[in-house]
Amino acid sequence: MTGGLKNYGAAILCGGQSRRMGFDKALALRNKDGRSLLAALAGELAERFGEVLLITNDPAKLAAGGEFQKYRQEADLHPGAGPAGAIHTALKSSPGRALFVMACDMPVIDWPVIDRMRALMEESGAGVVVPRHGQLREPLNALYGPGAAPVFQAGPAGGPRKVTAFSLGMKNVH
C-alpha cells in the first residue's frame, strides 16, 4: 500500500528554537543504533516518498553533515513563526504536491498510520489529514495537501504559531 506514497513528498521540520530541550534536537538526537535521528528518518522516508525536504531555520547546520546533502533543504521562510511557518515553507517549496510532515524528534515512523492517512486523503478529498490519540491531534505527523499553503501563509506574520490554531478542516485518523 505504501507504493502510492511516491506521488507524495515528505518534509522533516528540523529548525525550531528548542526552548524546552535547551539544545538543537535536529543534530543531537540519536537513534538506537547511534546514528543521527534526522539522518535515519530522512533515509527511511526517502525509501517510500517521492521526495524528502528538510526545513530548517539554519541551513548552515545541515551543510556540515554530508549525510544531508542528498535531500532537498529549504530555509524556513518564517523564522520564529514555529511549526506553522515551517509547514508553509514546505508546502511553498513543493507546489501542487501533498506532503507528509513530521518533526525531527519523532523516533518512529508509523507506516500503517501514514497509509491510512493517504487513503483518507485520496478517498475524501481532504486537504489535511491529522492523526489523533484521544483528544490530542498530531499535526507534526500529518498529511497536508497543497491547498493548505494559503491558510498557513495568512497566519505566520504575527498570527498563531501553533498548527492546531489554524482552521484547516482537519480529518482525524483514529
Protein backbone atom coordinates (compact mmCIF):
# COMPACT_ATOMS: atom_id res chain seq x y z
CA MET A 1 0.00 0.00 0.00
CA THR A 2 2.94 2.39 0.52
CA GLY A 3 3.72 2.33 -3.21
CA GLY A 4 1.21 5.17 -3.57
CA LEU A 5 3.42 7.40 -1.46
CA LYS A 6 5.85 8.04 -4.34
CA ASN A 7 3.40 10.72 -5.53
CA TYR A 8 3.74 12.45 -2.17
CA GLY A 9 6.64 14.29 -0.62
CA ALA A 10 7.85 14.22 2.96
CA ALA A 11 9.11 17.16 4.96
CA ILE A 12 11.02 16.98 8.21
CA LEU A 13 10.87 20.11 10.33
CA CYS A 14 14.37 20.48 11.75
CA GLY A 15 14.53 24.14 12.71
CA GLY A 16 12.93 25.30 15.90
CA GLN A 17 14.32 27.12 18.87
CA SER A 18 14.39 24.05 21.15
CA ARG A 19 13.38 26.13 24.16
CA ARG A 20 12.12 23.15 26.14
CA MET A 21 15.08 20.87 25.37
CA GLY A 22 17.81 23.51 25.56
CA PHE A 23 19.77 22.09 22.61
CA ASP A 24 19.31 21.66 18.86
CA LYS A 25 17.40 18.39 18.53
CA ALA A 26 17.93 18.09 14.78
CA LEU A 27 21.58 17.10 15.08
CA ALA A 28 21.93 15.96 18.70
CA LEU A 29 19.36 13.16 18.88
CA ARG A 30 20.50 9.63 18.01
CA ASN A 31 18.55 6.51 17.18
CA LYS A 32 19.07 3.16 18.88
CA ASP A 33 21.98 2.42 16.51
CA GLY A 34 23.76 5.66 17.43
CA ARG A 35 23.02 7.25 14.06
CA SER A 36 21.69 10.80 13.78
CA LEU A 37 17.92 10.52 14.22
CA LEU A 38 17.40 13.12 11.48
CA ALA A 39 19.54 11.16 9.01
CA ALA A 40 17.79 7.90 9.91
CA LEU A 41 14.32 9.44 9.48
CA ALA A 42 15.24 11.09 6.17
CA GLY A 43 16.66 7.82 4.85
CA GLU A 44 13.58 5.84 5.83
CA LEU A 45 11.24 8.42 4.30
CA ALA A 46 13.30 8.53 1.08
CA GLU A 47 12.66 4.82 0.54
CA ARG A 48 8.90 5.39 0.22
CA PHE A 49 8.22 9.03 -0.68
CA GLY A 50 8.96 10.75 -3.97
CA GLU A 51 11.00 13.48 -2.28
CA VAL A 52 12.32 14.40 1.15
CA LEU A 53 12.61 18.04 2.23
CA LEU A 54 14.50 19.25 5.27
CA ILE A 55 13.07 22.54 6.54
CA THR A 56 15.49 24.42 8.78
CA ASN A 57 15.96 27.82 10.33
CA ASP A 58 19.74 27.42 9.93
CA PRO A 59 20.84 25.89 6.59
CA ALA A 60 24.50 26.04 7.64
CA LYS A 61 23.99 23.42 10.35
CA LEU A 62 22.89 20.82 7.79
CA ALA A 63 25.62 21.75 5.32
CA ALA A 64 28.26 20.50 7.75
CA GLY A 65 26.83 16.97 7.70
CA GLY A 66 27.45 15.36 4.32
CA GLU A 67 24.72 12.84 5.08
CA PHE A 68 22.09 15.53 4.43
CA GLN A 69 23.30 16.67 1.01
CA LYS A 70 21.17 14.09 -0.83
CA TYR A 71 17.96 15.69 0.50
CA ARG A 72 16.50 18.98 -0.62
CA GLN A 73 17.00 21.60 2.07
CA GLU A 74 14.90 24.72 2.40
CA ALA A 75 15.43 27.67 4.71
CA ASP A 76 12.35 28.49 6.75
CA LEU A 77 10.53 31.42 5.12
CA HIS A 78 9.17 32.44 8.53
CA PRO A 79 11.93 32.06 11.13
CA GLY A 80 10.49 32.31 14.62
CA ALA A 81 6.94 31.53 13.43
CA GLY A 82 7.09 28.00 14.80
CA PRO A 83 5.86 24.85 13.06
CA ALA A 84 3.14 26.71 11.16
CA GLY A 85 5.76 28.79 9.35
CA ALA A 86 7.85 25.72 8.61
CA ILE A 87 4.85 23.84 7.20
CA HIS A 88 4.05 26.83 4.98
CA THR A 89 7.69 26.78 3.78
CA ALA A 90 7.45 23.07 2.96
CA LEU A 91 4.20 23.48 1.04
CA LYS A 92 5.51 26.52 -0.89
CA SER A 93 8.68 24.57 -1.74
CA SER A 94 6.68 21.73 -3.24
CA PRO A 95 3.73 23.37 -5.03
CA GLY A 96 0.99 21.04 -6.16
CA ARG A 97 2.21 18.13 -4.04
CA ALA A 98 0.77 16.74 -0.82
CA LEU A 99 3.35 16.34 1.91
CA PHE A 100 3.74 14.14 4.94
CA VAL A 101 5.12 16.48 7.61
CA MET A 102 6.92 15.30 10.70
CA ALA A 103 9.10 16.73 13.45
CA CYS A 104 12.78 15.78 13.59
CA ASP A 105 12.46 14.34 17.10
CA MET A 106 9.98 11.55 16.34
CA PRO A 107 11.87 8.28 16.79
CA VAL A 108 9.40 6.02 14.96
CA ILE A 109 7.59 6.37 11.65
CA ASP A 110 4.20 4.67 11.87
CA TRP A 111 3.72 3.40 8.30
CA PRO A 112 0.23 1.92 8.82
CA VAL A 113 -1.00 5.31 10.07
CA ILE A 114 0.61 7.07 7.10
CA ASP A 115 -1.04 4.59 4.72
CA ARG A 116 -4.38 5.22 6.41
CA MET A 117 -3.94 8.99 6.16
CA ARG A 118 -3.07 8.70 2.47
CA ALA A 119 -6.15 6.56 1.83
CA LEU A 120 -8.37 9.03 3.72
CA MET A 121 -6.95 11.97 1.81
CA GLU A 122 -7.48 10.26 -1.53
CA GLU A 123 -10.95 8.88 -0.72
CA SER A 124 -12.37 12.01 0.92
CA GLY A 125 -10.52 14.72 -0.94
CA ALA A 126 -9.47 16.21 2.41
CA GLY A 127 -6.83 18.91 2.27
CA VAL A 128 -5.29 17.85 5.60
CA VAL A 129 -5.34 14.55 7.47
CA VAL A 130 -4.11 14.54 11.07
CA PRO A 131 -3.85 11.51 13.35
CA ARG A 132 -5.01 11.84 16.91
CA HIS A 133 -4.65 9.96 20.15
CA GLY A 134 -7.78 10.52 22.22
CA GLN A 135 -8.36 14.27 22.03
CA LEU A 136 -4.74 15.11 21.15
CA ARG A 137 -4.03 15.85 17.50
CA GLU A 138 -0.61 15.17 15.99
CA PRO A 139 -0.17 17.97 13.42
CA LEU A 140 3.56 17.27 13.14
CA ASN A 141 2.85 13.74 11.96
CA ALA A 142 0.25 14.53 9.32
CA LEU A 143 -0.52 14.85 5.61
CA TYR A 144 -1.01 18.33 4.16
CA GLY A 145 -2.39 18.88 0.69
CA PRO A 146 -1.24 21.78 -1.47
CA GLY A 147 -4.45 23.67 -0.70
CA ALA A 148 -3.28 24.18 2.89
CA ALA A 149 -0.47 26.55 1.83
CA PRO A 150 -2.64 29.70 1.61
CA VAL A 151 -4.09 29.03 5.07
CA PHE A 152 -0.60 28.90 6.58
CA GLN A 153 0.55 31.90 4.55
CA ALA A 154 -2.11 34.05 6.17
CA GLY A 155 -1.08 33.03 9.67
CA PRO A 156 2.63 33.28 10.46
CA ALA A 157 3.00 37.08 10.19
CA GLY A 158 2.06 37.95 13.77
CA GLY A 159 -0.58 35.23 13.87
CA PRO A 160 -0.78 31.94 15.73
CA ARG A 161 2.30 29.72 15.87
CA LYS A 162 0.54 26.50 16.85
CA VAL A 163 -0.62 24.42 13.91
CA THR A 164 -3.82 23.46 15.72
CA ALA A 165 -4.82 27.15 15.84
CA PHE A 166 -5.39 27.17 12.09
CA SER A 167 -8.78 26.34 10.65
CA LEU A 168 -7.84 23.56 8.26
CA GLY A 169 -10.94 21.38 8.27
CA MET A 170 -8.77 18.53 9.57
CA LYS A 171 -9.83 14.92 9.11
CA ASN A 172 -8.90 12.84 12.13
CA VAL A 173 -7.31 9.38 11.93
CA HIS A 174 -8.01 7.23 14.97
